C-alpha atoms as a PDB file:
ATOM      1  CA  MET A   1     120.784  89.805 -71.821  1.00  0.00           C
ATOM      2  CA  LYS A   2     121.617  92.759 -74.033  1.00  0.00           C
ATOM      3  CA  ARG A   3     120.977  92.412 -77.763  1.00  0.00           C
ATOM      4  CA  ALA A   4     121.543  94.722 -80.680  1.00  0.00           C
ATOM      5  CA  ALA A   5     118.788  97.327 -80.909  1.00  0.00           C
ATOM      6  CA  ALA A   6     116.468  97.100 -83.612  1.00  0.00           C
ATOM      7  CA  GLY A   7     106.090  91.551 -88.937  1.00  0.00           C
ATOM      8  CA  GLY A   8     101.946  88.416 -93.460  1.00  0.00           C
ATOM      9  CA  SER A   9     102.692  85.125 -94.873  1.00  0.00           C
ATOM     10  CA  ALA A  10     105.219  83.490 -97.173  1.00  0.00           C
ATOM     11  CA  SER A  11     106.500  80.083 -98.204  1.00  0.00           C
ATOM     12  CA  PRO A  12     107.645  77.944 -95.226  1.00  0.00           C
ATOM     13  CA  ARG A  13     110.463  76.426 -97.293  1.00  0.00           C
ATOM     14  CA  GLY A  14     113.159  77.920 -95.069  1.00  0.00           C
ATOM     15  CA  VAL A  15     111.457  76.822 -91.863  1.00  0.00           C
ATOM     16  CA  VAL A  16     110.638  73.293 -92.989  1.00  0.00           C
ATOM     17  CA  ALA A  17     114.348  72.617 -93.391  1.00  0.00           C
ATOM     18  CA  ALA A  18     115.399  73.760 -89.940  1.00  0.00           C
ATOM     19  CA  THR A  19     118.997  72.794 -90.522  1.00  0.00           C
ATOM     20  CA  GLY A  20     119.500  74.545 -93.847  1.00  0.00           C
ATOM     21  CA  ARG A  21     118.041  76.253 -96.859  1.00  0.00           C
ATOM     22  CA  PRO A  22     118.067  75.623-100.602  1.00  0.00           C
ATOM     23  CA  PRO A  23     120.935  77.681-102.080  1.00  0.00           C
ATOM     24  CA  VAL A  24     119.302  78.276-105.470  1.00  0.00           C
ATOM     25  CA  ALA A  25     117.580  81.585-104.734  1.00  0.00           C
ATOM     26  CA  ARG A  26     120.642  83.139-103.143  1.00  0.00           C
ATOM     27  CA  ALA A  27     122.910  82.102-105.989  1.00  0.00           C
ATOM     28  CA  ARG A  28     120.490  83.505-108.516  1.00  0.00           C
ATOM     29  CA  LEU A  29     120.431  86.857-106.755  1.00  0.00           C
ATOM     30  CA  THR A  30     124.061  87.255-105.780  1.00  0.00           C
ATOM     31  CA  GLY A  31     126.082  84.998-108.026  1.00  0.00           C
ATOM     32  CA  SER A  32     126.838  87.257-110.985  1.00  0.00           C
ATOM     33  CA  ARG A  33     127.464  90.947-111.472  1.00  0.00           C
ATOM     34  CA  ARG A  34     126.141  90.822-115.045  1.00  0.00           C
ATOM     35  CA  SER A  35     122.468  91.791-115.272  1.00  0.00           C
ATOM     36  CA  PRO A  36     120.292  88.883-116.406  1.00  0.00           C
ATOM     37  CA  ALA A  37     118.510  89.308-119.744  1.00  0.00           C
ATOM     38  CA  TRP A  38     115.038  89.539-118.204  1.00  0.00           C
ATOM     39  CA  LEU A  39     115.934  92.401-115.864  1.00  0.00           C
ATOM     40  CA  ALA A  40     115.895  95.131-118.528  1.00  0.00           C
ATOM     41  CA  ALA A  41     112.327  94.222-119.467  1.00  0.00           C
ATOM     42  CA  ALA A  42     111.309  93.932-115.814  1.00  0.00           C
ATOM     43  CA  VAL A  43     112.295  97.504-114.975  1.00  0.00           C
ATOM     44  CA  ARG A  44     110.685  98.870-118.161  1.00  0.00           C
ATOM     45  CA  ALA A  45     107.296  98.374-116.525  1.00  0.00           C
ATOM     46  CA  PRO A  46     105.041 101.382-117.192  1.00  0.00           C
ATOM     47  CA  LEU A  47     105.360 103.308-113.932  1.00  0.00           C
ATOM     48  CA  THR A  48     108.450 105.527-113.732  1.00  0.00           C
ATOM     49  CA  PRO A  49     110.481 106.100-110.550  1.00  0.00           C
ATOM     50  CA  ALA A  50     108.763 109.502-110.242  1.00  0.00           C
ATOM     51  CA  GLY A  51     105.373 107.809-110.531  1.00  0.00           C
ATOM     52  CA  ILE A  52     106.406 105.218-107.951  1.00  0.00           C
ATOM     53  CA  ASP A  53     107.391 108.041-105.615  1.00  0.00           C
ATOM     54  CA  THR A  54     103.910 109.570-105.932  1.00  0.00           C
ATOM     55  CA  VAL A  55     102.196 106.225-105.316  1.00  0.00           C
ATOM     56  CA  ILE A  56     104.233 105.546-102.187  1.00  0.00           C
ATOM     57  CA  ARG A  57     103.581 109.025-100.789  1.00  0.00           C
ATOM     58  CA  ARG A  58      99.835 108.555-101.238  1.00  0.00           C
ATOM     59  CA  LEU A  59      99.902 105.079 -99.703  1.00  0.00           C
ATOM     60  CA  ARG A  60     101.811 106.346 -96.681  1.00  0.00           C
ATOM     61  CA  ALA A  61      99.268 109.146 -96.236  1.00  0.00           C
ATOM     62  CA  ALA A  62      96.445 106.585 -96.226  1.00  0.00           C
ATOM     63  CA  ALA A  63      98.211 103.932 -94.127  1.00  0.00           C
ATOM     64  CA  PRO A  64      97.367 105.234 -90.609  1.00  0.00           C
ATOM     65  CA  VAL A  65      93.755 104.025 -90.949  1.00  0.00           C
ATOM     66  CA  TRP A  66      94.781 100.503 -92.016  1.00  0.00           C
ATOM     67  CA  ARG A  67      95.325  97.639 -89.616  1.00  0.00           C
ATOM     68  CA  PRO A  68      99.122  97.318 -89.165  1.00  0.00           C
ATOM     69  CA  THR A  69     100.966  94.092 -89.868  1.00  0.00           C
ATOM     70  CA  ALA A  70     101.993  91.771 -87.040  1.00  0.00           C
ATOM     71  CA  ILE A  71     105.690  92.429 -87.697  1.00  0.00           C
ATOM     72  CA  ALA A  72     105.137  96.193 -87.554  1.00  0.00           C
ATOM     73  CA  GLU A  73     103.318  95.823 -84.231  1.00  0.00           C
ATOM     74  CA  VAL A  74     106.140  93.728 -82.760  1.00  0.00           C
ATOM     75  CA  ALA A  75     108.755  96.245 -83.931  1.00  0.00           C
ATOM     76  CA  ALA A  76     106.723  99.217 -82.653  1.00  0.00           C
ATOM     77  CA  GLU A  77     106.512  97.660 -79.197  1.00  0.00           C
ATOM     78  CA  GLU A  78     110.272  97.040 -78.967  1.00  0.00           C
ATOM     79  CA  ARG A  79     112.676  97.408 -81.895  1.00  0.00           C
ATOM     80  CA  ASP A  80     114.605  94.283 -81.031  1.00  0.00           C
ATOM     81  CA  PRO A  81     116.129  92.341 -83.967  1.00  0.00           C
ATOM     82  CA  PHE A  82     115.643  89.022 -82.168  1.00  0.00           C
ATOM     83  CA  ARG A  83     111.937  89.658 -81.644  1.00  0.00           C
ATOM     84  CA  VAL A  84     111.567  90.739 -85.265  1.00  0.00           C
ATOM     85  CA  LEU A  85     113.406  87.622 -86.444  1.00  0.00           C
ATOM     86  CA  VAL A  86     111.272  85.269 -84.356  1.00  0.00           C
ATOM     87  CA  ALA A  87     108.042  87.026 -85.360  1.00  0.00           C
ATOM     88  CA  CYS A  88     109.023  86.725 -89.033  1.00  0.00           C
ATOM     89  CA  LEU A  89     109.526  82.977 -88.681  1.00  0.00           C
ATOM     90  CA  LEU A  90     106.207  82.592 -86.880  1.00  0.00           C
ATOM     91  CA  SER A  91     104.434  84.573 -89.611  1.00  0.00           C
ATOM     92  CA  LEU A  92     105.308  82.155 -92.425  1.00  0.00           C
ATOM     93  CA  ARG A  93     102.086  80.637 -93.773  1.00  0.00           C
ATOM     94  CA  THR A  94     100.203  82.193 -90.868  1.00  0.00           C
ATOM     95  CA  GLN A  95      97.612  84.969 -90.639  1.00  0.00           C
ATOM     96  CA  ASP A  96      98.678  88.123 -88.783  1.00  0.00           C
ATOM     97  CA  THR A  97      95.745  87.679 -86.413  1.00  0.00           C
ATOM     98  CA  THR A  98      97.380  84.424 -85.285  1.00  0.00           C
ATOM     99  CA  THR A  99     101.026  85.534 -85.491  1.00  0.00           C
ATOM    100  CA  ARG A 100     100.834  88.461 -83.073  1.00  0.00           C
ATOM    101  CA  PRO A 101      99.175  86.628 -80.138  1.00  0.00           C
ATOM    102  CA  ALA A 102     101.529  83.673 -80.609  1.00  0.00           C
ATOM    103  CA  ALA A 103     104.564  85.970 -80.565  1.00  0.00           C
ATOM    104  CA  ASP A 104     103.284  87.709 -77.433  1.00  0.00           C
ATOM    105  CA  ARG A 105     102.809  84.389 -75.611  1.00  0.00           C
ATOM    106  CA  LEU A 106     106.302  83.242 -76.562  1.00  0.00           C
ATOM    107  CA  PHE A 107     108.025  86.523 -75.658  1.00  0.00           C
ATOM    108  CA  ARG A 108     106.400  86.597 -72.224  1.00  0.00           C
ATOM    109  CA  VAL A 109     108.280  83.361 -71.491  1.00  0.00           C
ATOM    110  CA  ALA A 110     111.435  83.726 -73.612  1.00  0.00           C
ATOM    111  CA  ASP A 111     112.654  86.830 -75.434  1.00  0.00           C
ATOM    112  CA  SER A 112     116.326  85.978 -75.958  1.00  0.00           C
ATOM    113  CA  PRO A 113     118.221  83.138 -77.679  1.00  0.00           C
ATOM    114  CA  ALA A 114     119.355  81.705 -74.334  1.00  0.00           C
ATOM    115  CA  ALA A 115     115.869  81.769 -72.842  1.00  0.00           C
ATOM    116  CA  LEU A 116     114.338  80.238 -75.956  1.00  0.00           C
ATOM    117  CA  LEU A 117     116.921  77.449 -76.125  1.00  0.00           C
ATOM    118  CA  ALA A 118     116.199  76.609 -72.494  1.00  0.00           C
ATOM    119  CA  LEU A 119     112.626  75.677 -73.444  1.00  0.00           C
ATOM    120  CA  SER A 120     111.764  72.256 -74.787  1.00  0.00           C
ATOM    121  CA  ALA A 121     110.385  71.981 -78.296  1.00  0.00           C
ATOM    122  CA  ARG A 122     107.117  70.764 -76.810  1.00  0.00           C
ATOM    123  CA  ARG A 123     106.808  73.862 -74.589  1.00  0.00           C
ATOM    124  CA  ILE A 124     107.464  76.132 -77.585  1.00  0.00           C
ATOM    125  CA  GLU A 125     104.850  74.231 -79.599  1.00  0.00           C
ATOM    126  CA  ARG A 126     102.231  74.900 -76.921  1.00  0.00           C
ATOM    127  CA  LEU A 127     103.143  78.589 -76.757  1.00  0.00           C
ATOM    128  CA  ILE A 128     103.012  79.266 -80.516  1.00  0.00           C
ATOM    129  CA  PHE A 129     100.058  77.031 -81.466  1.00  0.00           C
ATOM    130  CA  PRO A 130      98.079  77.464 -83.770  1.00  0.00           C
ATOM    131  CA  VAL A 131     100.601  79.099 -86.136  1.00  0.00           C
ATOM    132  CA  GLY A 132     101.151  77.131 -89.321  1.00  0.00           C
ATOM    133  CA  PHE A 133     103.728  74.315 -89.081  1.00  0.00           C
ATOM    134  CA  TYR A 134     104.016  75.003 -85.347  1.00  0.00           C
ATOM    135  CA  ARG A 135     105.894  71.774 -84.584  1.00  0.00           C
ATOM    136  CA  THR A 136     108.480  72.414 -87.304  1.00  0.00           C
ATOM    137  CA  LYS A 137     108.797  76.052 -86.265  1.00  0.00           C
ATOM    138  CA  ALA A 138     109.397  75.073 -82.635  1.00  0.00           C
ATOM    139  CA  ARG A 139     112.369  72.940 -83.686  1.00  0.00           C
ATOM    140  CA  ALA A 140     113.595  75.672 -86.047  1.00  0.00           C
ATOM    141  CA  LEU A 141     113.476  78.299 -83.287  1.00  0.00           C
ATOM    142  CA  ARG A 142     115.605  76.148 -81.001  1.00  0.00           C
ATOM    143  CA  ALA A 143     118.127  75.498 -83.807  1.00  0.00           C
ATOM    144  CA  LEU A 144     118.191  79.207 -84.610  1.00  0.00           C
ATOM    145  CA  SER A 145     118.791  80.160 -80.981  1.00  0.00           C
ATOM    146  CA  ARG A 146     121.630  77.642 -80.694  1.00  0.00           C
ATOM    147  CA  GLU A 147     123.310  79.065 -83.809  1.00  0.00           C
ATOM    148  CA  LEU A 148     122.989  82.637 -82.550  1.00  0.00           C
ATOM    149  CA  LEU A 149     124.596  81.685 -79.247  1.00  0.00           C
ATOM    150  CA  GLU A 150     127.387  79.560 -80.699  1.00  0.00           C
ATOM    151  CA  ARG A 151     128.322  81.676 -83.723  1.00  0.00           C
ATOM    152  CA  PHE A 152     127.210  85.243 -82.958  1.00  0.00           C
ATOM    153  CA  GLY A 153     127.463  85.561 -79.178  1.00  0.00           C
ATOM    154  CA  GLY A 154     123.691  85.665 -78.810  1.00  0.00           C
ATOM    155  CA  GLN A 155     123.377  88.666 -81.129  1.00  0.00           C
ATOM    156  CA  VAL A 156     121.341  88.797 -84.333  1.00  0.00           C
ATOM    157  CA  PRO A 157     123.686  89.742 -87.209  1.00  0.00           C
ATOM    158  CA  ASP A 158     122.752  92.830 -89.206  1.00  0.00           C
ATOM    159  CA  ASP A 159     124.294  91.503 -92.420  1.00  0.00           C
ATOM    160  CA  LEU A 160     122.093  89.870 -95.062  1.00  0.00           C
ATOM    161  CA  ASP A 161     124.592  87.152 -95.983  1.00  0.00           C
ATOM    162  CA  ALA A 162     125.172  86.244 -92.332  1.00  0.00           C
ATOM    163  CA  LEU A 163     121.444  86.056 -91.684  1.00  0.00           C
ATOM    164  CA  LEU A 164     121.031  83.725 -94.650  1.00  0.00           C
ATOM    165  CA  THR A 165     123.335  81.179 -92.974  1.00  0.00           C
ATOM    166  CA  LEU A 166     120.938  80.776 -90.025  1.00  0.00           C
ATOM    167  CA  PRO A 167     118.552  77.806 -89.878  1.00  0.00           C
ATOM    168  CA  GLY A 168     115.134  78.601 -91.309  1.00  0.00           C
ATOM    169  CA  VAL A 169     116.063  82.071 -92.578  1.00  0.00           C
ATOM    170  CA  GLY A 170     115.347  82.834 -96.237  1.00  0.00           C
ATOM    171  CA  ARG A 171     115.597  86.084 -98.181  1.00  0.00           C
ATOM    172  CA  LYS A 172     112.206  87.402 -97.110  1.00  0.00           C
ATOM    173  CA  THR A 173     113.002  87.003 -93.415  1.00  0.00           C
ATOM    174  CA  ALA A 174     116.597  88.221 -93.749  1.00  0.00           C
ATOM    175  CA  ASN A 175     115.592  91.401 -95.600  1.00  0.00           C
ATOM    176  CA  LEU A 176     112.815  92.107 -93.116  1.00  0.00           C
ATOM    177  CA  VAL A 177     115.174  91.749 -90.143  1.00  0.00           C
ATOM    178  CA  VAL A 178     117.711  94.058 -91.806  1.00  0.00           C
ATOM    179  CA  SER A 179     115.139  96.740 -92.631  1.00  0.00           C
ATOM    180  CA  VAL A 180     112.682  96.513 -89.725  1.00  0.00           C
ATOM    181  CA  GLY A 181     114.980  95.173 -87.013  1.00  0.00           C
ATOM    182  CA  PHE A 182     118.026  97.318 -87.779  1.00  0.00           C
ATOM    183  CA  GLY A 183     116.630 100.184 -89.866  1.00  0.00           C
ATOM    184  CA  LYS A 184     119.029  99.437 -92.724  1.00  0.00           C
ATOM    185  CA  PRO A 185     118.029  99.440 -96.418  1.00  0.00           C
ATOM    186  CA  GLY A 186     116.590  96.142 -97.576  1.00  0.00           C
ATOM    187  CA  ILE A 187     113.772  95.047 -99.873  1.00  0.00           C
ATOM    188  CA  CYS A 188     111.660  92.241 -98.481  1.00  0.00           C
ATOM    189  CA  VAL A 189     109.496  90.636-101.160  1.00  0.00           C
ATOM    190  CA  ASP A 190     106.698  88.303-100.127  1.00  0.00           C
ATOM    191  CA  THR A 191     103.558  87.330-102.022  1.00  0.00           C
ATOM    192  CA  HIS A 192     101.844  90.668-101.298  1.00  0.00           C
ATOM    193  CA  VAL A 193     104.820  92.755-102.425  1.00  0.00           C
ATOM    194  CA  HIS A 194     105.365  90.641-105.555  1.00  0.00           C
ATOM    195  CA  ARG A 195     101.705  90.807-106.556  1.00  0.00           C
ATOM    196  CA  ILE A 196     101.125  94.492-105.841  1.00  0.00           C
ATOM    197  CA  SER A 197     104.426  95.719-107.322  1.00  0.00           C
ATOM    198  CA  ASN A 198     103.380  94.053-110.583  1.00  0.00           C
ATOM    199  CA  ARG A 199      99.726  95.114-110.366  1.00  0.00           C
ATOM    200  CA  LEU A 200     100.626  98.771-109.863  1.00  0.00           C
ATOM    201  CA  GLY A 201     103.071  98.687-112.776  1.00  0.00           C
ATOM    202  CA  PHE A 202     106.292  99.137-110.789  1.00  0.00           C
ATOM    203  CA  VAL A 203     107.927  96.049-112.321  1.00  0.00           C
ATOM    204  CA  ARG A 204     107.157  93.171-114.705  1.00  0.00           C
ATOM    205  CA  THR A 205     108.295  89.939-113.054  1.00  0.00           C
ATOM    206  CA  SER A 206     107.206  86.336-112.679  1.00  0.00           C
ATOM    207  CA  THR A 207     108.609  85.447-109.222  1.00  0.00           C
ATOM    208  CA  PRO A 208     109.265  87.164-105.878  1.00  0.00           C
ATOM    209  CA  GLU A 209     113.013  86.638-106.392  1.00  0.00           C
ATOM    210  CA  ARG A 210     112.924  88.541-109.663  1.00  0.00           C
ATOM    211  CA  THR A 211     110.751  91.207-108.112  1.00  0.00           C
ATOM    212  CA  GLU A 212     113.406  91.827-105.449  1.00  0.00           C
ATOM    213  CA  LEU A 213     116.127  92.233-108.084  1.00  0.00           C
ATOM    214  CA  ALA A 214     113.979  94.535-110.226  1.00  0.00           C
ATOM    215  CA  LEU A 215     112.983  96.687-107.259  1.00  0.00           C
ATOM    216  CA  ARG A 216     116.611  96.996-106.176  1.00  0.00           C
ATOM    217  CA  ARG A 217     117.278  98.420-109.635  1.00  0.00           C
ATOM    218  CA  LYS A 218     114.210 100.683-109.951  1.00  0.00           C
ATOM    219  CA  LEU A 219     112.761 101.569-106.536  1.00  0.00           C
ATOM    220  CA  PRO A 220     114.244 104.791-105.088  1.00  0.00           C
ATOM    221  CA  ARG A 221     116.466 103.736-102.176  1.00  0.00           C
ATOM    222  CA  ARG A 222     114.736 106.095 -99.758  1.00  0.00           C
ATOM    223  CA  HIS A 223     111.666 103.858-100.003  1.00  0.00           C
ATOM    224  CA  TRP A 224     113.368 100.524 -99.291  1.00  0.00           C
ATOM    225  CA  ILE A 225     112.872 100.615 -95.525  1.00  0.00           C
ATOM    226  CA  GLY A 226     109.186 100.180 -94.826  1.00  0.00           C
ATOM    227  CA  TYR A 227     108.286  99.147 -98.383  1.00  0.00           C
ATOM    228  CA  ASN A 228     107.266  95.628 -97.369  1.00  0.00           C
ATOM    229  CA  ASP A 229     105.195  96.745 -94.401  1.00  0.00           C
ATOM    230  CA  LEU A 230     103.448  99.417 -96.487  1.00  0.00           C
ATOM    231  CA  LEU A 231     102.509  97.091 -99.343  1.00  0.00           C
ATOM    232  CA  VAL A 232     101.523  94.200 -97.080  1.00  0.00           C
ATOM    233  CA  ALA A 233      99.155  96.480 -95.124  1.00  0.00           C
ATOM    234  CA  PHE A 234      97.835  97.881 -98.422  1.00  0.00           C
ATOM    235  CA  GLY A 235      97.284  94.345 -99.723  1.00  0.00           C
ATOM    236  CA  GLN A 236      95.516  93.180 -96.580  1.00  0.00           C
ATOM    237  CA  ASN A 237      93.241  96.216 -96.302  1.00  0.00           C
ATOM    238  CA  VAL A 238      92.602  97.415 -99.867  1.00  0.00           C
ATOM    239  CA  CYS A 239      94.460  95.704-102.711  1.00  0.00           C
ATOM    240  CA  ARG A 240      93.196  92.175-102.112  1.00  0.00           C
ATOM    241  CA  PRO A 241      94.359  89.323-104.378  1.00  0.00           C
ATOM    242  CA  LEU A 242      90.867  88.759-105.775  1.00  0.00           C
ATOM    243  CA  SER A 243      88.427  91.600-106.416  1.00  0.00           C
ATOM    244  CA  PRO A 244      90.491  94.455-104.920  1.00  0.00           C
ATOM    245  CA  HIS A 245      88.728  97.508-103.459  1.00  0.00           C
ATOM    246  CA  CYS A 246      89.604  99.837-106.336  1.00  0.00           C
ATOM    247  CA  SER A 247      86.666 102.140-105.530  1.00  0.00           C
ATOM    248  CA  ARG A 248      88.369 103.227-102.298  1.00  0.00           C
ATOM    249  CA  CYS A 249      91.994 102.877-103.361  1.00  0.00           C
ATOM    250  CA  PRO A 250      94.101 106.003-102.742  1.00  0.00           C
ATOM    251  CA  VAL A 251      96.174 105.339-105.896  1.00  0.00           C
ATOM    252  CA  ALA A 252      93.429 104.130-108.250  1.00  0.00           C
ATOM    253  CA  GLY A 253      94.215 106.898-110.738  1.00  0.00           C
ATOM    254  CA  LEU A 254      97.869 105.867-110.975  1.00  0.00           C
ATOM    255  CA  CYS A 255      97.513 102.067-110.843  1.00  0.00           C
ATOM    256  CA  HIS A 256      97.913 100.094-114.081  1.00  0.00           C
ATOM    257  CA  ARG A 257      95.699  97.303-112.691  1.00  0.00           C
ATOM    258  CA  VAL A 258      97.843  94.592-114.237  1.00  0.00           C
ATOM    259  CA  GLY A 259      95.999  91.272-114.038  1.00  0.00           C
ATOM    260  CA  VAL A 260      92.857  92.754-112.435  1.00  0.00           C
ATOM    261  CA  THR A 261      89.722  91.281-113.998  1.00  0.00           C
ATOM    262  CA  GLN A 262      87.207  92.082-111.276  1.00  0.00           C
ATOM    263  CA  ALA A 263      87.175  94.850-108.689  1.00  0.00           C
ATOM    264  CA  ARG A 264      84.927  96.390-106.088  1.00  0.00           C
END
């Protein structure tokens, strides 16, 4: 079956409700053209766009020695939006070391919406175990596949708003599919990206949703694609949540170390 040509943890909120998704976050991000009052302060964080550019260049130069993310590995093997989408859903609240093998087992049996829908929820559970919430995710994957077949002809849409209508798909997953699966500009903000963007001094925000809005305003557009993968790999290998490895950080001289109280 031919699909459009074209991967870390986050809240499972979108997956737990396999038939829908709370509309609050989307409304907050897309409902009004007027900039919210907090946004001006958020983008006045100390690092300038030129400084951000330097940080990202240095991180990209250092990245080849880091362990890649599970989503990046899936996309590198075959840039298929459906595979990226499924891998993103599997990765929620799951370590990359668990996500990648689970995705491989599933794709060996079913790598299209039709093939996945043909499997029972129980069979999917066995294939993806021990990812977090594996029973809920098995049901969500079947609901997702049904929606893709009935509403999109078995194709993964490349539009953010259309992706957000799919069962189990939240902003993090939708942005990652757009950017990694289709190579279109999108800013995917998960816990790593939110934490590190603030720690470095790119933005000043209190939630991942606000971080996405602030980065859309401040981050040079040429860096949008790949930004999530770069910062997630950086966070997993160097810039850990507690006691980051500042002594071997390639951007230690530029980082504002916001919130860092102990480092190695």
